[in-house]
Amino acid sequence: MSALWKVTALAGGVMLALAACGTGGSPTGNAASTAKLVSGATFTYSTSTSLGSLDPYQTTLNDTFVFDSFLYGTLIVLDANGNVQAQLAEKWSAEGTKKATFTLRAGVTCSDGSRLQASDVAAVMNYLAKPASRSPLLGQLVQPGTTATADDATRTVTITSGKPDPFLVESLGSTPIVCKAALENPKLRAEGKAGSGAYKISEIAQGDHYTAELRTDYAWGPGDWKSNGAGVPAKVTARVVSSPTTAANLLLSGELNSARLSGIEQVRVAARKLPSVNTQLPAELLFNQAAGRPAADLAVRTAIVQALDLAKIGKVLSGDKGEPLRQILQGGVPNYCPGNTVQGNLPATDVAAAKAALDKAGWTVGADGIRAKNGRQLAFVMIYKFTSGQPTAAAELIQEQLTAIGVKVTPKVVDGPAAGNALGTDNWDLLMANLQVNNPYAFVPSFSGAAFPDGGTNFGSARNAEYDQLTAKAAAMPGKTGCELWNQAEAALVRNVDIVPFYALDTPIFGNRATFTIARFAWSIQMTAN
């Protein structure tokens, strides 16, 4: 997949930065590489939430972004090791961290039959670079102030980034490309039309399923991918299945070809020895630090974390299938800057210290056992939605542990669109989320700058001067040369309790009559006879 990450799973999918998905690699289990490949079949996979609008420039849902990868191509794709491969572009180059050039392949066409021109790609970049686009991609893949020019005769697009981007080719090249009609008409984008991808939308039943059919004339996939290749699915369907148990049952019956599972459902399906791809989903807690919110106070955020037994919560959430997180980047594909940014930076469990800190901050325990200050209760609405694991049990445990120190917590399970709406309108206090990232630069707008209500993507209204300083320095260093600074910056977020990374859930993606990898997911699917 691309270098774009989002809040997935627990929060239901508010996009923040880089979408990648877990450890990449080939399927394990019954080696499907020896199975007979089947052409003309439909690949059906489960999604935990309605996909809503399919507009790749406005969606905040990871599940929608995954489905969009079938509809909208990108200039390049990344393999599991971070190597750049051709897709819509056949050549690319970068001059430092601000200027990149891409040359389109000859004859690229769109799902509406139009020709994709270099000027169309330039128009996409110029559109996304303007604050008026209000796109979550702004500041993540395309920097504010970016400008693009094109030469249609040579099929060349030249892009000058508005800010230095150490992963310039990877970021710009991973931007979904819509065709001219869709750029001019947002309604077409919302319906998944006028795309540059290998599939075109054929059916939408909101809240139930979404189907795209193969463009048999498509010749611009990465590597040796061909639309008439053995095993390439003729259709792809994202089926909304909110219950992990139901998803497991449908997978075992063959009604689903793919599902991500954890906990008891993972164990049940693994016993059948279906092919699987190993992935990890990082689980985090995040606070709304907007003015007037209790969590705007570092002392309150610290006390909340000290009151929680995060290891126990993680075990409950994962069904004891995982491990404490080492860094936010853990599980990203590829992980550009591996390291340990959590250990020693996250406040340790200390219930007595938590109570003392809240006392000192003026939050006193009332007759009902709930703390209050200036007539206002210390109360949090905690939103969550997770595609796997035991989120309700984990939410109830968090509620129990915080009630013990006088904090009122109201867990609220939400679907993807509701989570996006809550964060976009600043209507939340505490978020149990699953943020995945591999490119640390794309992470920056989520923890600095303007908040969602003010047109930015800093969804928690975080203010961290150390993080801002370190990321500014790291951004001027190309590629992995800045990894030490990127990891220092991430550690600064953890120390300031701007994000609480606490557990990595083992969540393999199982296949039935299909194989695939995480990297280049849309291009890797092969349907099999068994």
Protein backbone atom coordinates (compact mmCIF):
# COMPACT_ATOMS: atom_id res chain seq x y z
CA MET A 1 0.00 0.00 0.00
CA SER A 2 0.93 3.60 -0.07
CA ALA A 3 2.82 5.69 2.36
CA LEU A 4 -0.28 7.02 3.94
CA TRP A 5 -1.41 6.24 7.44
CA LYS A 6 -4.69 6.59 9.19
CA VAL A 7 -6.47 6.00 12.41
CA THR A 8 -7.91 2.62 11.69
CA ALA A 9 -9.51 -0.10 13.74
CA LEU A 10 -10.15 1.13 17.26
CA ALA A 11 -11.21 4.59 16.24
CA GLY A 12 -12.94 3.37 13.17
CA GLY A 13 -10.59 5.08 10.84
CA VAL A 14 -9.91 8.77 11.02
CA MET A 15 -7.02 9.30 8.68
CA LEU A 16 -4.00 11.03 10.06
CA ALA A 17 -1.04 10.07 8.03
CA LEU A 18 0.40 6.90 6.75
CA ALA A 19 -1.67 3.95 5.82
CA ALA A 20 0.25 1.01 5.90
CA CYS A 21 -0.73 -2.01 7.36
CA GLY A 22 1.51 -4.41 9.17
CA THR A 23 4.31 -6.69 8.38
CA GLY A 24 4.35 -7.48 4.70
CA GLY A 25 5.31 -10.76 3.24
CA SER A 26 4.00 -13.83 1.56
CA PRO A 27 1.15 -15.90 2.95
CA THR A 28 1.95 -18.71 5.34
CA GLY A 29 -0.06 -21.78 6.28
CA ASN A 30 -1.20 -24.04 3.47
CA ALA A 31 1.14 -22.84 0.75
CA ALA A 32 -1.24 -21.45 -1.83
CA SER A 33 1.65 -20.89 -4.23
CA THR A 34 1.19 -24.53 -5.26
CA ALA A 35 -2.58 -24.19 -5.65
CA LYS A 36 -4.24 -23.84 -9.03
CA LEU A 37 -4.85 -20.21 -9.94
CA VAL A 38 -8.39 -19.25 -10.93
CA SER A 39 -9.26 -16.38 -13.27
CA GLY A 40 -12.59 -14.59 -13.46
CA ALA A 41 -13.39 -14.96 -9.75
CA THR A 42 -14.52 -12.32 -7.25
CA PHE A 43 -12.29 -11.44 -4.29
CA THR A 44 -14.48 -10.61 -1.29
CA TYR A 45 -12.93 -9.23 1.87
CA SER A 46 -14.41 -7.92 5.09
CA THR A 47 -14.47 -4.33 6.26
CA SER A 48 -15.75 -3.48 9.70
CA THR A 49 -17.49 -0.25 8.73
CA SER A 50 -19.45 1.44 6.00
CA LEU A 51 -17.04 3.07 3.58
CA GLY A 52 -19.07 6.25 3.12
CA SER A 53 -17.79 8.59 0.44
CA LEU A 54 -15.16 7.01 -1.82
CA ASP A 55 -13.50 10.39 -2.46
CA PRO A 56 -9.78 9.65 -1.91
CA TYR A 57 -9.14 13.33 -1.19
CA GLN A 58 -11.72 13.62 1.56
CA THR A 59 -12.10 10.22 3.19
CA THR A 60 -10.84 9.80 6.72
CA LEU A 61 -11.37 6.05 6.79
CA ASN A 62 -8.57 3.55 6.33
CA ASP A 63 -11.00 0.94 5.04
CA THR A 64 -12.16 3.37 2.36
CA PHE A 65 -8.59 4.17 1.42
CA VAL A 66 -7.87 0.47 0.95
CA PHE A 67 -10.87 0.04 -1.36
CA ASP A 68 -9.88 3.22 -3.22
CA SER A 69 -6.53 1.61 -4.01
CA PHE A 70 -8.39 -0.53 -6.54
CA LEU A 71 -10.09 2.50 -8.11
CA TYR A 72 -7.36 5.15 -8.10
CA GLY A 73 -3.78 4.51 -9.17
CA THR A 74 -0.66 6.20 -7.86
CA LEU A 75 2.48 7.35 -9.62
CA ILE A 76 4.57 4.74 -7.82
CA VAL A 77 4.09 1.88 -5.36
CA LEU A 78 6.31 0.70 -2.52
CA ASP A 79 7.28 -2.87 -1.81
CA ALA A 80 7.70 -4.28 1.69
CA ASN A 81 11.27 -2.99 1.88
CA GLY A 82 10.39 0.53 0.83
CA ASN A 83 11.71 0.17 -2.71
CA VAL A 84 9.97 2.39 -5.25
CA GLN A 85 8.33 0.65 -8.20
CA ALA A 86 6.65 2.04 -11.30
CA GLN A 87 2.90 2.36 -11.57
CA LEU A 88 1.37 5.28 -13.48
CA ALA A 89 4.83 6.78 -13.76
CA GLU A 90 7.65 5.00 -15.57
CA LYS A 91 10.44 7.31 -14.34
CA TRP A 92 11.01 9.61 -11.38
CA SER A 93 13.77 11.62 -9.76
CA ALA A 94 14.24 14.03 -6.88
CA GLU A 95 16.46 17.04 -6.37
CA GLY A 96 17.02 17.27 -2.63
CA THR A 97 13.90 17.36 -0.50
CA LYS A 98 11.79 19.88 -2.45
CA LYS A 99 11.69 19.07 -6.16
CA ALA A 100 10.59 15.87 -7.87
CA THR A 101 9.88 14.90 -11.48
CA PHE A 102 7.66 12.07 -12.70
CA THR A 103 7.22 10.84 -16.27
CA LEU A 104 3.94 9.09 -16.97
CA ARG A 105 3.79 5.85 -18.89
CA ALA A 106 2.53 6.21 -22.42
CA GLY A 107 -1.15 5.74 -23.12
CA VAL A 108 -2.52 5.67 -19.57
CA THR A 109 -6.31 5.82 -19.64
CA CYS A 110 -9.00 6.34 -17.03
CA SER A 111 -12.04 4.31 -16.07
CA ASP A 112 -14.24 6.81 -17.96
CA GLY A 113 -12.24 6.23 -21.15
CA SER A 114 -10.35 9.52 -21.09
CA ARG A 115 -6.58 9.81 -21.47
CA LEU A 116 -4.61 10.64 -18.32
CA GLN A 117 -2.36 13.59 -19.13
CA ALA A 118 0.60 14.94 -17.21
CA SER A 119 -1.37 18.17 -16.82
CA ASP A 120 -4.14 16.20 -15.05
CA VAL A 121 -1.62 14.95 -12.49
CA ALA A 122 -0.25 18.46 -12.03
CA ALA A 123 -3.80 19.73 -11.47
CA VAL A 124 -4.29 17.12 -8.75
CA MET A 125 -1.15 18.25 -6.92
CA ASN A 126 -2.07 21.92 -7.23
CA TYR A 127 -5.58 21.23 -5.98
CA LEU A 128 -4.45 19.25 -2.95
CA ALA A 129 -1.80 21.86 -2.06
CA LYS A 130 -4.42 24.53 -1.43
CA PRO A 131 -5.96 24.84 2.04
CA ALA A 132 -9.34 25.31 0.33
CA SER A 133 -9.22 21.61 -0.66
CA ARG A 134 -9.56 20.74 3.04
CA SER A 135 -8.02 17.38 2.19
CA PRO A 136 -6.52 15.17 4.90
CA LEU A 137 -3.70 14.55 2.41
CA LEU A 138 -2.60 18.18 2.72
CA GLY A 139 0.52 18.33 4.84
CA GLN A 140 0.89 14.57 4.75
CA LEU A 141 1.50 13.54 1.15
CA VAL A 142 1.28 16.97 -0.48
CA GLN A 143 2.67 19.95 1.42
CA PRO A 144 0.89 23.32 1.58
CA GLY A 145 2.23 25.66 -1.06
CA THR A 146 3.29 22.85 -3.40
CA THR A 147 3.20 23.76 -7.09
CA ALA A 148 3.22 21.49 -10.12
CA THR A 149 3.75 22.07 -13.83
CA ALA A 150 3.39 19.66 -16.73
CA ASP A 151 4.54 19.00 -20.26
CA ASP A 152 1.92 16.81 -21.92
CA ALA A 153 4.14 16.22 -24.94
CA THR A 154 6.82 14.54 -22.83
CA ARG A 155 4.33 13.24 -20.22
CA THR A 156 6.41 14.94 -17.51
CA VAL A 157 5.18 16.42 -14.22
CA THR A 158 7.52 18.62 -12.19
CA ILE A 159 6.52 19.21 -8.57
CA THR A 160 8.06 21.70 -6.17
CA SER A 161 7.09 20.94 -2.59
CA GLY A 162 5.91 23.79 -0.40
CA LYS A 163 8.06 22.38 2.41
CA PRO A 164 11.07 20.06 2.51
CA ASP A 165 9.95 16.44 2.46
CA PRO A 166 12.65 13.86 3.23
CA PHE A 167 10.52 11.18 1.57
CA LEU A 168 9.52 13.33 -1.38
CA VAL A 169 9.15 10.71 -4.11
CA GLU A 170 7.43 8.28 -1.76
CA SER A 171 4.95 10.92 -0.54
CA LEU A 172 4.04 12.59 -3.83
CA GLY A 173 4.20 9.30 -5.69
CA SER A 174 1.72 7.69 -3.28
CA THR A 175 -0.98 10.31 -3.85
CA PRO A 176 -4.12 8.75 -5.39
CA ILE A 177 -4.65 10.15 -8.88
CA VAL A 178 -8.17 10.97 -10.02
CA CYS A 179 -8.85 11.82 -13.64
CA LYS A 180 -9.89 15.22 -14.98
CA ALA A 181 -13.66 14.73 -14.72
CA ALA A 182 -13.43 13.60 -11.09
CA LEU A 183 -11.13 16.44 -10.08
CA GLU A 184 -13.67 18.88 -11.49
CA ASN A 185 -16.68 17.07 -9.98
CA PRO A 186 -16.39 15.89 -6.34
CA LYS A 187 -19.61 13.90 -6.74
CA LEU A 188 -17.82 11.56 -9.16
CA ARG A 189 -15.04 11.03 -6.64
CA ALA A 190 -17.55 10.27 -3.89
CA GLU A 191 -19.03 7.60 -6.16
CA GLY A 192 -15.63 6.12 -6.97
CA LYS A 193 -15.76 7.13 -10.62
CA ALA A 194 -13.28 8.56 -13.15
CA GLY A 195 -10.33 6.79 -11.56
CA SER A 196 -6.88 5.83 -12.80
CA GLY A 197 -6.83 2.42 -11.13
CA ALA A 198 -7.11 -1.11 -12.45
CA TYR A 199 -10.75 -1.46 -11.35
CA LYS A 200 -13.88 0.64 -11.85
CA ILE A 201 -16.81 0.92 -9.51
CA SER A 202 -19.76 -1.28 -10.44
CA GLU A 203 -22.03 -1.41 -7.38
CA ILE A 204 -22.46 0.49 -4.12
CA ALA A 205 -24.84 -0.64 -1.37
CA GLN A 206 -23.91 1.72 1.47
CA GLY A 207 -23.43 -0.11 4.73
CA ASP A 208 -23.50 -3.52 3.06
CA HIS A 209 -21.03 -3.96 0.18
CA TYR A 210 -18.98 -2.16 -2.48
CA THR A 211 -17.92 -3.84 -5.71
CA ALA A 212 -15.42 -2.88 -8.40
CA GLU A 213 -14.79 -4.73 -11.66
CA LEU A 214 -11.51 -5.24 -13.46
CA ARG A 215 -10.62 -3.01 -16.39
CA THR A 216 -9.42 -5.64 -18.83
CA ASP A 217 -7.53 -3.05 -20.90
CA TYR A 218 -5.49 -1.86 -17.92
CA ALA A 219 -1.75 -2.10 -18.62
CA TRP A 220 -0.12 0.15 -16.03
CA GLY A 221 0.25 -2.02 -12.96
CA PRO A 222 3.58 -2.39 -11.12
CA GLY A 223 6.18 -5.02 -11.90
CA ASP A 224 4.91 -7.93 -13.95
CA TRP A 225 1.23 -7.39 -13.05
CA LYS A 226 -1.12 -7.90 -16.00
CA SER A 227 -4.90 -7.57 -16.05
CA ASN A 228 -5.08 -10.96 -17.80
CA GLY A 229 -2.62 -12.56 -15.39
CA ALA A 230 -3.47 -15.88 -13.81
CA GLY A 231 -5.50 -15.48 -10.64
CA VAL A 232 -6.24 -11.76 -11.03
CA PRO A 233 -9.78 -11.25 -9.67
CA ALA A 234 -12.41 -10.07 -12.14
CA LYS A 235 -14.20 -8.27 -9.32
CA VAL A 236 -13.34 -7.05 -5.84
CA THR A 237 -16.01 -6.66 -3.15
CA ALA A 238 -15.60 -5.01 0.23
CA ARG A 239 -18.32 -6.51 2.43
CA VAL A 240 -19.28 -4.76 5.66
CA VAL A 241 -19.02 -7.25 8.53
CA SER A 242 -18.97 -5.59 11.93
CA SER A 243 -18.77 -8.77 14.01
CA PRO A 244 -15.38 -10.58 14.15
CA THR A 245 -17.22 -13.83 14.85
CA THR A 246 -19.36 -13.39 11.77
CA ALA A 247 -16.28 -12.51 9.70
CA ALA A 248 -14.54 -15.67 10.87
CA ASN A 249 -17.60 -17.79 10.05
CA LEU A 250 -17.91 -16.27 6.58
CA LEU A 251 -14.21 -16.82 5.95
CA LEU A 252 -14.38 -20.47 6.97
CA SER A 253 -17.45 -21.03 4.79
CA GLY A 254 -15.73 -19.47 1.78
CA GLU A 255 -18.09 -16.50 1.52
CA LEU A 256 -15.14 -14.26 2.36
CA ASN A 257 -11.72 -14.61 0.76
CA SER A 258 -9.98 -12.44 3.34
CA ALA A 259 -10.48 -11.19 6.90
CA ARG A 260 -8.26 -9.68 9.58
CA LEU A 261 -8.79 -11.48 12.89
CA SER A 262 -7.43 -11.49 16.41
CA GLY A 263 -8.06 -13.07 19.79
CA ILE A 264 -10.27 -16.13 19.97
CA GLU A 265 -11.37 -15.83 16.33
CA GLN A 266 -7.74 -15.83 15.25
CA VAL A 267 -7.12 -19.04 17.17
CA ARG A 268 -10.23 -20.69 15.74
CA VAL A 269 -9.38 -19.85 12.13
CA ALA A 270 -5.67 -20.59 12.50
CA ALA A 271 -6.57 -24.14 13.51
CA ARG A 272 -7.90 -24.64 9.99
CA LYS A 273 -4.43 -23.77 8.65
CA LEU A 274 -5.66 -21.21 6.13
CA PRO A 275 -3.01 -19.06 4.45
CA SER A 276 -2.33 -15.85 6.35
CA VAL A 277 -0.19 -12.73 6.36
CA ASN A 278 1.18 -11.72 9.73
CA THR A 279 0.42 -8.16 10.81
CA GLN A 280 0.48 -6.07 13.96
CA LEU A 281 -2.00 -3.36 14.84
CA PRO A 282 -0.67 -0.80 17.32
CA ALA A 283 -3.17 0.34 19.96
CA GLU A 284 -2.94 3.83 21.44
CA LEU A 285 -4.83 6.25 23.63
CA LEU A 286 -5.06 9.89 22.57
CA PHE A 287 -6.45 12.97 24.28
CA ASN A 288 -8.36 15.99 23.07
CA GLN A 289 -6.17 18.84 24.28
CA ALA A 290 -8.30 21.68 22.92
CA ALA A 291 -8.69 24.73 25.15
CA GLY A 292 -11.21 24.09 27.90
CA ARG A 293 -10.81 20.31 27.81
CA PRO A 294 -9.44 18.70 31.01
CA ALA A 295 -6.74 16.89 29.01
CA ALA A 296 -5.26 20.22 27.92
CA ASP A 297 -3.43 19.96 31.26
CA LEU A 298 -0.36 17.71 31.14
CA ALA A 299 -0.90 16.83 34.79
CA VAL A 300 -4.32 15.38 33.97
CA ARG A 301 -3.02 13.40 31.00
CA THR A 302 -0.16 12.02 33.07
CA ALA A 303 -2.47 11.05 35.92
CA ILE A 304 -4.81 9.22 33.53
CA VAL A 305 -1.93 7.12 32.22
CA GLN A 306 -0.55 6.46 35.71
CA ALA A 307 -3.95 5.15 36.78
CA LEU A 308 -4.06 2.59 33.98
CA ASP A 309 -2.51 -0.86 33.88
CA LEU A 310 -1.72 -0.62 30.18
CA ALA A 311 -0.17 -4.08 29.93
CA LYS A 312 -3.34 -5.66 31.33
CA ILE A 313 -5.54 -3.55 29.07
CA GLY A 314 -3.43 -4.59 26.09
CA LYS A 315 -3.73 -8.26 26.94
CA VAL A 316 -7.49 -7.97 27.27
CA LEU A 317 -7.78 -6.04 24.01
CA SER A 318 -5.60 -8.48 22.07
CA GLY A 319 -6.91 -11.68 23.63
CA ASP A 320 -3.36 -12.11 24.92
CA LYS A 321 -2.09 -12.17 21.33
CA GLY A 322 0.47 -9.39 21.19
CA GLU A 323 3.14 -7.45 23.05
CA PRO A 324 3.77 -3.98 24.52
CA LEU A 325 4.47 -1.44 21.81
CA ARG A 326 8.03 -0.24 21.25
CA GLN A 327 7.16 2.61 18.87
CA ILE A 328 4.31 4.04 16.86
CA LEU A 329 6.05 2.91 13.67
CA GLN A 330 5.90 -0.71 14.80
CA GLY A 331 4.01 -2.80 12.28
CA GLY A 332 4.32 -0.30 9.43
CA VAL A 333 5.24 -1.57 5.99
CA PRO A 334 7.96 -0.64 5.37
CA ASN A 335 9.20 0.68 8.70
CA TYR A 336 11.65 3.40 7.67
CA CYS A 337 12.93 4.20 11.17
CA PRO A 338 12.72 1.25 13.58
CA GLY A 339 13.51 1.95 17.21
CA ASN A 340 12.15 2.06 20.75
CA THR A 341 10.48 5.36 21.57
CA VAL A 342 8.08 4.17 24.28
CA GLN A 343 10.18 2.45 26.95
CA GLY A 344 11.28 4.95 29.58
CA ASN A 345 9.16 7.74 28.13
CA LEU A 346 5.63 6.67 29.05
CA PRO A 347 4.51 7.31 32.66
CA ALA A 348 4.54 4.10 34.67
CA THR A 349 1.49 2.76 36.48
CA ASP A 350 1.25 4.49 39.87
CA VAL A 351 -2.29 4.91 41.16
CA ALA A 352 -1.24 6.80 44.31
CA ALA A 353 0.75 9.29 42.23
CA ALA A 354 -2.22 9.70 39.87
CA LYS A 355 -4.55 10.59 42.75
CA ALA A 356 -2.01 12.99 44.26
CA ALA A 357 -1.48 14.74 40.91
CA LEU A 358 -5.20 15.29 40.42
CA ASP A 359 -5.52 16.58 43.99
CA LYS A 360 -2.72 19.05 43.34
CA ALA A 361 -4.33 20.14 40.07
CA GLY A 362 -7.49 21.07 41.98
CA TRP A 363 -9.70 18.12 41.01
CA THR A 364 -11.34 17.08 44.28
CA VAL A 365 -13.45 13.99 44.90
CA GLY A 366 -17.14 14.70 45.36
CA ALA A 367 -19.81 12.81 47.30
CA ASP A 368 -20.53 10.73 44.21
CA GLY A 369 -16.88 9.69 43.97
CA ILE A 370 -16.25 11.78 40.84
CA ARG A 371 -13.71 14.55 40.89
CA ALA A 372 -14.73 18.09 40.04
CA LYS A 373 -13.14 21.50 39.67
CA ASN A 374 -14.94 24.84 39.55
CA GLY A 375 -18.25 23.00 39.38
CA ARG A 376 -17.22 20.80 36.45
CA GLN A 377 -16.82 17.05 36.68
CA LEU A 378 -13.67 15.32 35.49
CA ALA A 379 -15.54 13.36 32.84
CA PHE A 380 -14.43 11.87 29.53
CA VAL A 381 -16.33 10.51 26.58
CA MET A 382 -14.08 7.78 25.18
CA ILE A 383 -14.79 6.83 21.58
CA TYR A 384 -13.54 3.60 20.08
CA LYS A 385 -14.15 1.10 17.31
CA PHE A 386 -11.87 -1.80 16.59
CA THR A 387 -11.92 -4.31 13.76
CA SER A 388 -10.38 -7.00 15.90
CA GLY A 389 -9.63 -7.94 19.46
CA GLN A 390 -11.89 -7.34 22.46
CA PRO A 391 -12.42 -3.55 22.40
CA THR A 392 -15.51 -3.44 24.59
CA ALA A 393 -13.83 -5.46 27.34
CA ALA A 394 -10.77 -3.19 27.11
CA ALA A 395 -12.94 -0.07 27.22
CA GLU A 396 -14.75 -1.36 30.30
CA LEU A 397 -11.42 -2.08 32.00
CA ILE A 398 -10.24 1.47 31.28
CA GLN A 399 -13.53 2.77 32.69
CA GLU A 400 -13.09 0.67 35.84
CA GLN A 401 -9.49 1.74 36.44
CA LEU A 402 -10.22 5.44 35.94
CA THR A 403 -13.36 5.34 38.07
CA ALA A 404 -11.10 4.15 40.89
CA ILE A 405 -9.30 7.53 40.89
CA GLY A 406 -12.47 9.60 40.51
CA VAL A 407 -12.57 10.05 36.73
CA LYS A 408 -15.91 9.47 35.00
CA VAL A 409 -15.50 7.68 31.67
CA THR A 410 -18.33 7.06 29.23
CA PRO A 411 -17.23 4.55 26.55
CA LYS A 412 -18.90 5.15 23.21
CA VAL A 413 -18.55 2.63 20.42
CA VAL A 414 -18.76 4.27 17.01
CA ASP A 415 -18.54 3.25 13.39
CA GLY A 416 -16.02 4.77 11.00
CA PRO A 417 -18.07 7.77 9.76
CA ALA A 418 -19.17 8.61 13.31
CA ALA A 419 -15.56 8.53 14.51
CA GLY A 420 -14.55 10.82 11.67
CA ASN A 421 -17.38 13.19 12.50
CA ALA A 422 -16.51 13.22 16.21
CA LEU A 423 -12.88 14.11 15.58
CA GLY A 424 -13.67 16.51 12.77
CA THR A 425 -16.09 18.47 14.95
CA ASP A 426 -13.93 18.24 18.10
CA ASN A 427 -16.66 16.29 19.89
CA TRP A 428 -14.58 13.87 21.96
CA ASP A 429 -12.29 13.66 25.00
CA LEU A 430 -10.44 10.35 24.87
CA LEU A 431 -9.79 8.12 21.88
CA MET A 432 -8.78 4.47 21.88
CA ALA A 433 -7.20 4.26 18.48
CA ASN A 434 -5.07 2.27 16.13
CA LEU A 435 -2.65 4.64 14.38
CA GLN A 436 -0.33 3.10 11.82
CA VAL A 437 2.56 4.86 10.21
CA ASN A 438 5.75 3.99 8.37
CA ASN A 439 6.80 7.40 7.04
CA PRO A 440 7.38 9.57 10.13
CA TYR A 441 7.16 12.81 8.15
CA ALA A 442 3.53 12.16 7.23
CA PHE A 443 2.82 11.92 10.97
CA VAL A 444 3.74 15.57 11.68
CA PRO A 445 0.49 17.40 10.80
CA SER A 446 -1.43 15.13 13.14
CA PHE A 447 0.42 16.50 16.16
CA SER A 448 1.23 20.07 15.16
CA GLY A 449 -0.39 23.02 13.45
CA ALA A 450 -4.09 23.70 13.14
CA ALA A 451 -6.77 21.37 14.50
CA PHE A 452 -9.55 19.83 12.39
CA PRO A 453 -12.14 22.51 13.23
CA ASP A 454 -9.64 25.15 12.10
CA GLY A 455 -8.90 23.44 8.79
CA GLY A 456 -5.86 21.43 9.88
CA THR A 457 -5.31 17.78 10.73
CA ASN A 458 -3.96 18.13 14.28
CA PHE A 459 -6.93 16.16 15.55
CA GLY A 460 -6.02 16.36 19.26
CA SER A 461 -4.90 20.03 19.27
CA ALA A 462 -1.47 18.93 20.54
CA ARG A 463 1.17 21.56 21.25
CA ASN A 464 4.67 20.16 21.61
CA ALA A 465 7.55 22.57 20.98
CA GLU A 466 10.22 19.87 21.28
CA TYR A 467 8.45 17.73 18.70
CA ASP A 468 8.11 20.68 16.34
CA GLN A 469 11.81 21.54 16.63
CA LEU A 470 13.04 17.98 16.13
CA THR A 471 10.77 17.26 13.17
CA ALA A 472 11.80 20.51 11.49
CA LYS A 473 15.44 19.41 11.68
CA ALA A 474 14.68 15.86 10.56
CA ALA A 475 12.62 17.08 7.60
CA ALA A 476 15.71 18.65 6.06
CA MET A 477 17.55 15.31 6.04
CA PRO A 478 16.77 13.06 3.04
CA GLY A 479 15.31 9.63 3.63
CA LYS A 480 16.55 7.52 6.51
CA THR A 481 19.45 9.86 7.35
CA GLY A 482 17.13 11.66 9.75
CA CYS A 483 15.86 8.56 11.57
CA GLU A 484 17.61 9.34 14.85
CA LEU A 485 15.88 12.72 14.99
CA TRP A 486 12.54 11.24 13.91
CA ASN A 487 12.69 8.74 16.78
CA GLN A 488 13.68 11.48 19.23
CA ALA A 489 10.67 13.47 18.05
CA GLU A 490 8.34 10.51 18.54
CA ALA A 491 9.72 10.01 22.04
CA ALA A 492 8.93 13.66 22.77
CA LEU A 493 5.28 13.02 21.91
CA VAL A 494 5.19 10.06 24.28
CA ARG A 495 6.86 11.97 27.13
CA ASN A 496 4.32 14.77 26.77
CA VAL A 497 1.49 12.20 26.73
CA ASP A 498 0.31 13.50 23.36
CA ILE A 499 -0.04 9.87 22.39
CA VAL A 500 -0.01 6.75 24.54
CA PRO A 501 1.23 3.76 22.49
CA PHE A 502 0.59 0.74 24.70
CA TYR A 503 0.14 -2.54 22.80
CA ALA A 504 0.79 -4.27 19.50
CA LEU A 505 -1.98 -6.69 18.62
CA ASP A 506 -1.09 -9.73 16.53
CA THR A 507 -3.79 -9.66 13.86
CA PRO A 508 -3.08 -11.94 10.93
CA ILE A 509 -5.05 -11.44 7.75
CA PHE A 510 -6.35 -14.82 6.68
CA GLY A 511 -7.17 -15.89 3.17
CA ASN A 512 -9.45 -18.56 1.75
CA ARG A 513 -9.14 -19.44 -1.93
CA ALA A 514 -6.93 -16.37 -2.33
CA THR A 515 -3.40 -15.25 -1.55
CA PHE A 516 -2.05 -11.71 -1.21
CA THR A 517 0.60 -9.61 0.48
CA ILE A 518 0.22 -6.40 2.47
CA ALA A 519 2.65 -4.36 0.41
CA ARG A 520 1.13 -3.77 -3.05
CA PHE A 521 -2.09 -5.35 -1.74
CA ALA A 522 -4.35 -4.50 -4.70
CA TRP A 523 -1.77 -5.86 -7.13
CA SER A 524 -0.82 -8.99 -5.20
CA ILE A 525 -4.18 -10.80 -5.00
CA GLN A 526 -4.37 -14.17 -6.70
CA MET A 527 -7.51 -16.31 -6.60
CA THR A 528 -6.98 -20.03 -6.10
CA ALA A 529 -9.03 -23.20 -6.46
CA ASN A 530 -8.58 -24.09 -2.80
